[in-house]
Amino acid sequence: MNEMPLWEIFIRSQHGLAHKHVGSLHASDAAMAINNARDVYTRRSEGVSIWAVRSTDIVASAPGDKGPLFEPANSKAYRHPTFYDIPDEVGHM
């Protein structure tokens, strides 16, 4: 039997700026994935935008690559906000 592709679903809420991963579903094509995602993940009108991405198209780093990927930033102290004075008028950042 020919299985339908797996899609990862991301929803942007009415109050959010970023899409958040909400789950996965099987669908034959992108239009079906969007329609099924709407039915499954936005039943209470909580979304304003849906992204459907084939799971096979997602590329991710491996947990074992954490060191080589992220440690070089630690040697660049200027990337850390501890060296900057924030005026009191700015408030909380």
PDB file of N, CA and C in Angstrom:
ATOM      1  N   MET A   1       0.840  -1.194   0.000  1.00  0.00           N
ATOM      2  CA  MET A   1       0.000   0.000   0.000  1.00  0.00           C
ATOM      3  C   MET A   1       0.878   1.249   0.000  1.00  0.00           C
ATOM      4  N   ASN A   2       0.485   2.246  -0.736  1.00  0.00           N
ATOM      5  CA  ASN A   2       1.237   3.489  -0.854  1.00  0.00           C
ATOM      6  C   ASN A   2       0.795   4.451   0.247  1.00  0.00           C
ATOM      7  N   GLU A   3       1.680   4.728   1.201  1.00  0.00           N
ATOM      8  CA  GLU A   3       1.335   5.584   2.333  1.00  0.00           C
ATOM      9  C   GLU A   3       1.467   7.058   1.968  1.00  0.00           C
ATOM     10  N   MET A   4       0.539   7.864   2.481  1.00  0.00           N
ATOM     11  CA  MET A   4       0.584   9.310   2.229  1.00  0.00           C
ATOM     12  C   MET A   4       1.743   9.929   2.998  1.00  0.00           C
ATOM     13  N   PRO A   5       2.343  10.996   2.454  1.00  0.00           N
ATOM     14  CA  PRO A   5       3.468  11.644   3.136  1.00  0.00           C
ATOM     15  C   PRO A   5       3.058  12.268   4.471  1.00  0.00           C
ATOM     16  N   LEU A   6       4.031  12.353   5.355  1.00  0.00           N
ATOM     17  CA  LEU A   6       3.833  12.986   6.657  1.00  0.00           C
ATOM     18  C   LEU A   6       4.159  14.466   6.527  1.00  0.00           C
ATOM     19  N   TRP A   7       3.320  15.313   7.093  1.00  0.00           N
ATOM     20  CA  TRP A   7       3.490  16.775   7.062  1.00  0.00           C
ATOM     21  C   TRP A   7       3.614  17.284   8.492  1.00  0.00           C
ATOM     22  N   GLU A   8       4.509  18.229   8.702  1.00  0.00           N
ATOM     23  CA  GLU A   8       4.639  18.909   9.988  1.00  0.00           C
ATOM     24  C   GLU A   8       3.821  20.191   9.894  1.00  0.00           C
ATOM     25  N   ILE A   9       3.036  20.465  10.924  1.00  0.00           N
ATOM     26  CA  ILE A   9       2.105  21.585  10.888  1.00  0.00           C
ATOM     27  C   ILE A   9       2.540  22.651  11.888  1.00  0.00           C
ATOM     28  N   PHE A  10       2.570  23.895  11.408  1.00  0.00           N
ATOM     29  CA  PHE A  10       2.926  25.053  12.218  1.00  0.00           C
ATOM     30  C   PHE A  10       1.764  26.046  12.146  1.00  0.00           C
ATOM     31  N   ILE A  11       1.352  26.565  13.295  1.00  0.00           N
ATOM     32  CA  ILE A  11       0.238  27.508  13.370  1.00  0.00           C
ATOM     33  C   ILE A  11       0.732  28.814  13.981  1.00  0.00           C
ATOM     34  N   ARG A  12       0.314  29.923  13.402  1.00  0.00           N
ATOM     35  CA  ARG A  12       0.550  31.228  14.027  1.00  0.00           C
ATOM     36  C   ARG A  12      -0.752  31.630  14.694  1.00  0.00           C
ATOM     37  N   SER A  13      -0.692  31.875  15.985  1.00  0.00           N
ATOM     38  CA  SER A  13      -1.898  32.231  16.731  1.00  0.00           C
ATOM     39  C   SER A  13      -2.263  33.686  16.494  1.00  0.00           C
ATOM     40  N   GLN A  14      -3.435  34.049  16.910  1.00  0.00           N
ATOM     41  CA  GLN A  14      -3.895  35.425  16.742  1.00  0.00           C
ATOM     42  C   GLN A  14      -3.033  36.404  17.525  1.00  0.00           C
ATOM     43  N   HIS A  15      -2.432  35.927  18.594  1.00  0.00           N
ATOM     44  CA  HIS A  15      -1.658  36.820  19.463  1.00  0.00           C
ATOM     45  C   HIS A  15      -0.153  36.640  19.300  1.00  0.00           C
ATOM     46  N   GLY A  16       0.264  35.770  18.378  1.00  0.00           N
ATOM     47  CA  GLY A  16       1.685  35.502  18.243  1.00  0.00           C
ATOM     48  C   GLY A  16       2.257  36.029  16.954  1.00  0.00           C
ATOM     49  N   LEU A  17       3.561  36.203  16.955  1.00  0.00           N
ATOM     50  CA  LEU A  17       4.252  36.660  15.762  1.00  0.00           C
ATOM     51  C   LEU A  17       4.914  35.504  15.026  1.00  0.00           C
ATOM     52  N   ALA A  18       5.176  34.417  15.733  1.00  0.00           N
ATOM     53  CA  ALA A  18       5.887  33.286  15.139  1.00  0.00           C
ATOM     54  C   ALA A  18       4.967  32.076  15.019  1.00  0.00           C
ATOM     55  N   HIS A  19       5.211  31.281  13.995  1.00  0.00           N
ATOM     56  CA  HIS A  19       4.499  30.020  13.856  1.00  0.00           C
ATOM     57  C   HIS A  19       5.084  29.040  14.868  1.00  0.00           C
ATOM     58  N   LYS A  20       4.249  28.203  15.437  1.00  0.00           N
ATOM     59  CA  LYS A  20       4.687  27.189  16.400  1.00  0.00           C
ATOM     60  C   LYS A  20       4.275  25.818  15.892  1.00  0.00           C
ATOM     61  N   HIS A  21       5.167  24.855  16.082  1.00  0.00           N
ATOM     62  CA  HIS A  21       4.865  23.490  15.668  1.00  0.00           C
ATOM     63  C   HIS A  21       3.762  22.943  16.574  1.00  0.00           C
ATOM     64  N   VAL A  22       2.708  22.420  15.952  1.00  0.00           N
ATOM     65  CA  VAL A  22       1.576  21.904  16.733  1.00  0.00           C
ATOM     66  C   VAL A  22       1.378  20.412  16.563  1.00  0.00           C
ATOM     67  N   GLY A  23       1.988  19.826  15.540  1.00  0.00           N
ATOM     68  CA  GLY A  23       1.833  18.394  15.345  1.00  0.00           C
ATOM     69  C   GLY A  23       2.115  17.972  13.924  1.00  0.00           C
ATOM     70  N   SER A  24       1.757  16.728  13.647  1.00  0.00           N
ATOM     71  CA  SER A  24       2.003  16.133  12.331  1.00  0.00           C
ATOM     72  C   SER A  24       0.724  15.472  11.844  1.00  0.00           C
ATOM     73  N   LEU A  25       0.632  15.315  10.527  1.00  0.00           N
ATOM     74  CA  LEU A  25      -0.488  14.570   9.949  1.00  0.00           C
ATOM     75  C   LEU A  25      -0.105  14.057   8.578  1.00  0.00           C
ATOM     76  N   HIS A  26      -0.831  13.055   8.108  1.00  0.00           N
ATOM     77  CA  HIS A  26      -0.620  12.498   6.776  1.00  0.00           C
ATOM     78  C   HIS A  26      -1.607  13.137   5.814  1.00  0.00           C
ATOM     79  N   ALA A  27      -1.135  13.482   4.622  1.00  0.00           N
ATOM     80  CA  ALA A  27      -1.989  14.057   3.580  1.00  0.00           C
ATOM     81  C   ALA A  27      -1.339  13.775   2.227  1.00  0.00           C
ATOM     82  N   SER A  28      -2.177  13.699   1.190  1.00  0.00           N
ATOM     83  CA  SER A  28      -1.652  13.372  -0.139  1.00  0.00           C
ATOM     84  C   SER A  28      -0.937  14.542  -0.797  1.00  0.00           C
ATOM     85  N   ASP A  29      -1.328  15.784  -0.451  1.00  0.00           N
ATOM     86  CA  ASP A  29      -0.681  16.958  -1.044  1.00  0.00           C
ATOM     87  C   ASP A  29      -0.778  18.143  -0.085  1.00  0.00           C
ATOM     88  N   ALA A  30      -0.177  19.262  -0.480  1.00  0.00           N
ATOM     89  CA  ALA A  30      -0.117  20.433   0.394  1.00  0.00           C
ATOM     90  C   ALA A  30      -1.498  20.995   0.706  1.00  0.00           C
ATOM     91  N   ALA A  31      -2.381  21.052  -0.279  1.00  0.00           N
ATOM     92  CA  ALA A  31      -3.724  21.594  -0.050  1.00  0.00           C
ATOM     93  C   ALA A  31      -4.485  20.750   0.962  1.00  0.00           C
ATOM     94  N   MET A  32      -4.369  19.442   0.832  1.00  0.00           N
ATOM     95  CA  MET A  32      -5.036  18.551   1.785  1.00  0.00           C
ATOM     96  C   MET A  32      -4.427  18.703   3.181  1.00  0.00           C
ATOM     97  N   ALA A  33      -3.113  18.896   3.245  1.00  0.00           N
ATOM     98  CA  ALA A  33      -2.444  19.077   4.542  1.00  0.00           C
ATOM     99  C   ALA A  33      -2.948  20.344   5.225  1.00  0.00           C
ATOM    100  N   ILE A  34      -3.085  21.435   4.476  1.00  0.00           N
ATOM    101  CA  ILE A  34      -3.587  22.699   5.044  1.00  0.00           C
ATOM    102  C   ILE A  34      -5.033  22.526   5.524  1.00  0.00           C
ATOM    103  N   ASN A  35      -5.866  21.926   4.701  1.00  0.00           N
ATOM    104  CA  ASN A  35      -7.271  21.735   5.086  1.00  0.00           C
ATOM    105  C   ASN A  35      -7.408  20.833   6.301  1.00  0.00           C
ATOM    106  N   ASN A  36      -6.654  19.736   6.327  1.00  0.00           N
ATOM    107  CA  ASN A  36      -6.716  18.837   7.483  1.00  0.00           C
ATOM    108  C   ASN A  36      -6.167  19.517   8.734  1.00  0.00           C
ATOM    109  N   ALA A  37      -5.109  20.305   8.572  1.00  0.00           N
ATOM    110  CA  ALA A  37      -4.530  21.025   9.713  1.00  0.00           C
ATOM    111  C   ALA A  37      -5.539  22.016  10.280  1.00  0.00           C
ATOM    112  N   ARG A  38      -6.255  22.699   9.403  1.00  0.00           N
ATOM    113  CA  ARG A  38      -7.287  23.637   9.857  1.00  0.00           C
ATOM    114  C   ARG A  38      -8.330  22.894  10.692  1.00  0.00           C
ATOM    115  N   ASP A  39      -8.772  21.741  10.203  1.00  0.00           N
ATOM    116  CA  ASP A  39      -9.799  20.971  10.904  1.00  0.00           C
ATOM    117  C   ASP A  39      -9.305  20.394  12.228  1.00  0.00           C
ATOM    118  N   VAL A  40      -8.053  19.964  12.247  1.00  0.00           N
ATOM    119  CA  VAL A  40      -7.523  19.290  13.441  1.00  0.00           C
ATOM    120  C   VAL A  40      -6.971  20.268  14.480  1.00  0.00           C
ATOM    121  N   TYR A  41      -6.249  21.291  14.028  1.00  0.00           N
ATOM    122  CA  TYR A  41      -5.491  22.124  14.963  1.00  0.00           C
ATOM    123  C   TYR A  41      -6.062  23.522  15.207  1.00  0.00           C
ATOM    124  N   THR A  42      -7.081  23.930  14.483  1.00  0.00           N
ATOM    125  CA  THR A  42      -7.639  25.272  14.710  1.00  0.00           C
ATOM    126  C   THR A  42      -9.152  25.219  14.877  1.00  0.00           C
ATOM    127  N   ARG A  43      -9.628  24.273  15.643  1.00  0.00           N
ATOM    128  CA  ARG A  43     -11.072  24.102  15.829  1.00  0.00           C
ATOM    129  C   ARG A  43     -11.728  25.263  16.553  1.00  0.00           C
ATOM    130  N   ARG A  44     -10.971  25.990  17.337  1.00  0.00           N
ATOM    131  CA  ARG A  44     -11.549  27.104  18.103  1.00  0.00           C
ATOM    132  C   ARG A  44     -11.100  28.450  17.551  1.00  0.00           C
ATOM    133  N   SER A  45     -10.819  28.504  16.284  1.00  0.00           N
ATOM    134  CA  SER A  45     -10.406  29.738  15.597  1.00  0.00           C
ATOM    135  C   SER A  45      -9.191  30.396  16.234  1.00  0.00           C
ATOM    136  N   GLU A  46      -8.244  29.581  16.718  1.00  0.00           N
ATOM    137  CA  GLU A  46      -7.080  30.155  17.379  1.00  0.00           C
ATOM    138  C   GLU A  46      -5.937  30.483  16.433  1.00  0.00           C
ATOM    139  N   GLY A  47      -6.065  30.187  15.160  1.00  0.00           N
ATOM    140  CA  GLY A  47      -4.978  30.442  14.238  1.00  0.00           C
ATOM    141  C   GLY A  47      -5.312  31.480  13.184  1.00  0.00           C
ATOM    142  N   VAL A  48      -4.264  32.141  12.687  1.00  0.00           N
ATOM    143  CA  VAL A  48      -4.442  33.090  11.587  1.00  0.00           C
ATOM    144  C   VAL A  48      -3.608  32.682  10.371  1.00  0.00           C
ATOM    145  N   SER A  49      -2.698  31.707  10.550  1.00  0.00           N
ATOM    146  CA  SER A  49      -1.856  31.262   9.454  1.00  0.00           C
ATOM    147  C   SER A  49      -1.408  29.828   9.725  1.00  0.00           C
ATOM    148  N   ILE A  50      -1.363  29.022   8.668  1.00  0.00           N
ATOM    149  CA  ILE A  50      -0.937  27.624   8.780  1.00  0.00           C
ATOM    150  C   ILE A  50       0.201  27.378   7.795  1.00  0.00           C
ATOM    151  N   TRP A  51       1.243  26.736   8.277  1.00  0.00           N
ATOM    152  CA  TRP A  51       2.304  26.243   7.411  1.00  0.00           C
ATOM    153  C   TRP A  51       2.247  24.723   7.459  1.00  0.00           C
ATOM    154  N   ALA A  52       2.359  24.088   6.317  1.00  0.00           N
ATOM    155  CA  ALA A  52       2.469  22.638   6.222  1.00  0.00           C
ATOM    156  C   ALA A  52       3.758  22.329   5.464  1.00  0.00           C
ATOM    157  N   VAL A  53       4.646  21.577   6.098  1.00  0.00           N
ATOM    158  CA  VAL A  53       5.954  21.270   5.521  1.00  0.00           C
ATOM    159  C   VAL A  53       6.125  19.753   5.525  1.00  0.00           C
ATOM    160  N   ARG A  54       6.472  19.193   4.366  1.00  0.00           N
ATOM    161  CA  ARG A  54       6.734  17.751   4.339  1.00  0.00           C
ATOM    162  C   ARG A  54       7.859  17.422   5.308  1.00  0.00           C
ATOM    163  N   SER A  55       7.648  16.409   6.095  1.00  0.00           N
ATOM    164  CA  SER A  55       8.661  16.011   7.083  1.00  0.00           C
ATOM    165  C   SER A  55       9.990  15.690   6.423  1.00  0.00           C
ATOM    166  N   THR A  56       9.948  15.138   5.226  1.00  0.00           N
ATOM    167  CA  THR A  56      11.188  14.773   4.531  1.00  0.00           C
ATOM    168  C   THR A  56      11.978  15.989   4.071  1.00  0.00           C
ATOM    169  N   ASP A  57      11.348  17.171   4.050  1.00  0.00           N
ATOM    170  CA  ASP A  57      12.032  18.391   3.626  1.00  0.00           C
ATOM    171  C   ASP A  57      12.678  19.147   4.779  1.00  0.00           C
ATOM    172  N   ILE A  58      12.480  18.687   5.985  1.00  0.00           N
ATOM    173  CA  ILE A  58      13.065  19.354   7.151  1.00  0.00           C
ATOM    174  C   ILE A  58      14.451  18.789   7.420  1.00  0.00           C
ATOM    175  N   VAL A  59      15.403  19.683   7.575  1.00  0.00           N
ATOM    176  CA  VAL A  59      16.771  19.297   7.900  1.00  0.00           C
ATOM    177  C   VAL A  59      17.067  19.847   9.285  1.00  0.00           C
ATOM    178  N   ALA A  60      17.591  19.001  10.152  1.00  0.00           N
ATOM    179  CA  ALA A  60      17.851  19.424  11.528  1.00  0.00           C
ATOM    180  C   ALA A  60      19.260  19.003  11.940  1.00  0.00           C
ATOM    181  N   SER A  61      19.801  19.731  12.875  1.00  0.00           N
ATOM    182  CA  SER A  61      21.091  19.341  13.437  1.00  0.00           C
ATOM    183  C   SER A  61      20.872  18.175  14.399  1.00  0.00           C
ATOM    184  N   ALA A  62      21.922  17.432  14.614  1.00  0.00           N
ATOM    185  CA  ALA A  62      21.867  16.311  15.555  1.00  0.00           C
ATOM    186  C   ALA A  62      22.277  16.806  16.940  1.00  0.00           C
ATOM    187  N   PRO A  63      21.683  16.246  17.995  1.00  0.00           N
ATOM    188  CA  PRO A  63      22.070  16.661  19.353  1.00  0.00           C
ATOM    189  C   PRO A  63      23.572  16.534  19.602  1.00  0.00           C
ATOM    190  N   GLY A  64      24.208  15.566  18.967  1.00  0.00           N
ATOM    191  CA  GLY A  64      25.648  15.385  19.143  1.00  0.00           C
ATOM    192  C   GLY A  64      26.474  16.500  18.526  1.00  0.00           C
ATOM    193  N   ASP A  65      25.865  17.299  17.652  1.00  0.00           N
ATOM    194  CA  ASP A  65      26.564  18.418  17.010  1.00  0.00           C
ATOM    195  C   ASP A  65      26.482  19.704  17.824  1.00  0.00           C
ATOM    196  N   LYS A  66      25.907  19.635  19.010  1.00  0.00           N
ATOM    197  CA  LYS A  66      25.690  20.836  19.819  1.00  0.00           C
ATOM    198  C   LYS A  66      26.997  21.610  20.034  1.00  0.00           C
ATOM    199  N   GLY A  67      28.039  20.921  20.398  1.00  0.00           N
ATOM    200  CA  GLY A  67      29.313  21.585  20.657  1.00  0.00           C
ATOM    201  C   GLY A  67      29.853  22.332  19.455  1.00  0.00           C
ATOM    202  N   PRO A  68      30.102  21.631  18.359  1.00  0.00           N
ATOM    203  CA  PRO A  68      30.669  22.316  17.188  1.00  0.00           C
ATOM    204  C   PRO A  68      29.767  23.420  16.630  1.00  0.00           C
ATOM    205  N   LEU A  69      28.464  23.268  16.774  1.00  0.00           N
ATOM    206  CA  LEU A  69      27.555  24.270  16.210  1.00  0.00           C
ATOM    207  C   LEU A  69      27.447  25.535  17.055  1.00  0.00           C
ATOM    208  N   PHE A  70      27.383  25.374  18.365  1.00  0.00           N
ATOM    209  CA  PHE A  70      27.043  26.508  19.219  1.00  0.00           C
ATOM    210  C   PHE A  70      28.181  27.049  20.075  1.00  0.00           C
ATOM    211  N   GLU A  71      29.210  26.278  20.328  1.00  0.00           N
ATOM    212  CA  GLU A  71      30.300  26.750  21.180  1.00  0.00           C
ATOM    213  C   GLU A  71      31.107  27.900  20.583  1.00  0.00           C
ATOM    214  N   PRO A  72      31.301  27.979  19.269  1.00  0.00           N
ATOM    215  CA  PRO A  72      32.088  29.113  18.746  1.00  0.00           C
ATOM    216  C   PRO A  72      31.527  30.476  19.141  1.00  0.00           C
ATOM    217  N   ALA A  73      30.233  30.590  19.358  1.00  0.00           N
ATOM    218  CA  ALA A  73      29.645  31.869  19.752  1.00  0.00           C
ATOM    219  C   ALA A  73      30.116  32.294  21.143  1.00  0.00           C
ATOM    220  N   ASN A  74      30.469  31.344  21.995  1.00  0.00           N
ATOM    221  CA  ASN A  74      30.921  31.679  23.351  1.00  0.00           C
ATOM    222  C   ASN A  74      32.236  32.438  23.337  1.00  0.00           C
ATOM    223  N   SER A  75      33.035  32.272  22.287  1.00  0.00           N
ATOM    224  CA  SER A  75      34.322  32.966  22.226  1.00  0.00           C
ATOM    225  C   SER A  75      34.163  34.404  21.732  1.00  0.00           C
ATOM    226  N   LYS A  76      32.965  34.799  21.391  1.00  0.00           N
ATOM    227  CA  LYS A  76      32.708  36.161  20.905  1.00  0.00           C
ATOM    228  C   LYS A  76      31.910  36.907  21.970  1.00  0.00           C
ATOM    229  N   ALA A  77      32.623  37.434  22.929  1.00  0.00           N
ATOM    230  CA  ALA A  77      31.985  38.056  24.090  1.00  0.00           C
ATOM    231  C   ALA A  77      31.062  39.208  23.716  1.00  0.00           C
ATOM    232  N   TYR A  78      31.350  39.888  22.614  1.00  0.00           N
ATOM    233  CA  TYR A  78      30.517  41.029  22.224  1.00  0.00           C
ATOM    234  C   TYR A  78      29.088  40.611  21.875  1.00  0.00           C
ATOM    235  N   ARG A  79      28.844  39.336  21.678  1.00  0.00           N
ATOM    236  CA  ARG A  79      27.493  38.868  21.377  1.00  0.00           C
ATOM    237  C   ARG A  79      26.626  38.756  22.625  1.00  0.00           C
ATOM    238  N   HIS A  80      27.241  38.841  23.776  1.00  0.00           N
ATOM    239  CA  HIS A  80      26.500  38.745  25.026  1.00  0.00           C
ATOM    240  C   HIS A  80      26.173  40.152  25.530  1.00  0.00           C
ATOM    241  N   PRO A  81      24.955  40.399  25.946  1.00  0.00           N
ATOM    242  CA  PRO A  81      24.534  41.759  26.302  1.00  0.00           C
ATOM    243  C   PRO A  81      25.080  42.267  27.627  1.00  0.00           C
ATOM    244  N   THR A  82      25.962  41.548  28.253  1.00  0.00           N
ATOM    245  CA  THR A  82      26.474  41.976  29.564  1.00  0.00           C
ATOM    246  C   THR A  82      27.374  43.202  29.487  1.00  0.00           C
ATOM    247  N   PHE A  83      27.849  43.571  28.307  1.00  0.00           N
ATOM    248  CA  PHE A  83      28.764  44.691  28.167  1.00  0.00           C
ATOM    249  C   PHE A  83      28.059  46.007  27.861  1.00  0.00           C
ATOM    250  N   TYR A  84      26.754  45.974  27.742  1.00  0.00           N
ATOM    251  CA  TYR A  84      26.023  47.164  27.341  1.00  0.00           C
ATOM    252  C   TYR A  84      25.246  47.748  28.514  1.00  0.00           C
ATOM    253  N   ASP A  85      25.306  49.058  28.646  1.00  0.00           N
ATOM    254  CA  ASP A  85      24.515  49.746  29.668  1.00  0.00           C
ATOM    255  C   ASP A  85      23.175  50.129  29.057  1.00  0.00           C
ATOM    256  N   ILE A  86      22.118  49.782  29.745  1.00  0.00           N
ATOM    257  CA  ILE A  86      20.776  50.104  29.260  1.00  0.00           C
ATOM    258  C   ILE A  86      20.252  51.268  30.091  1.00  0.00           C
ATOM    259  N   PRO A  87      19.889  52.374  29.443  1.00  0.00           N
ATOM    260  CA  PRO A  87      19.370  53.524  30.182  1.00  0.00           C
ATOM    261  C   PRO A  87      18.091  53.159  30.947  1.00  0.00           C
ATOM    262  N   ASP A  88      17.882  53.777  32.090  1.00  0.00           N
ATOM    263  CA  ASP A  88      16.698  53.496  32.914  1.00  0.00           C
ATOM    264  C   ASP A  88      15.404  53.769  32.164  1.00  0.00           C
ATOM    265  N   GLU A  89      15.430  54.739  31.244  1.00  0.00           N
ATOM    266  CA  GLU A  89      14.211  55.100  30.497  1.00  0.00           C
ATOM    267  C   GLU A  89      13.718  53.960  29.612  1.00  0.00           C
ATOM    268  N   VAL A  90      14.608  53.063  29.254  1.00  0.00           N
ATOM    269  CA  VAL A  90      14.235  51.948  28.352  1.00  0.00           C
ATOM    270  C   VAL A  90      13.320  50.967  29.078  1.00  0.00           C
ATOM    271  N   GLY A  91      13.509  50.789  30.348  1.00  0.00           N
ATOM    272  CA  GLY A  91      12.684  49.848  31.104  1.00  0.00           C
ATOM    273  C   GLY A  91      13.166  48.420  30.899  1.00  0.00           C
ATOM    274  N   HIS A  92      12.236  47.503  30.944  1.00  0.00           N
ATOM    275  CA  HIS A  92      12.578  46.082  30.821  1.00  0.00           C
ATOM    276  C   HIS A  92      12.763  45.706  29.363  1.00  0.00           C
ATOM    277  N   MET A  93      13.816  44.985  29.083  1.00  0.00           N
ATOM    278  CA  MET A  93      14.059  44.493  27.719  1.00  0.00           C
ATOM    279  C   MET A  93      14.015  42.999  27.721  1.00  0.00           C
TER     280      MET A  93
END
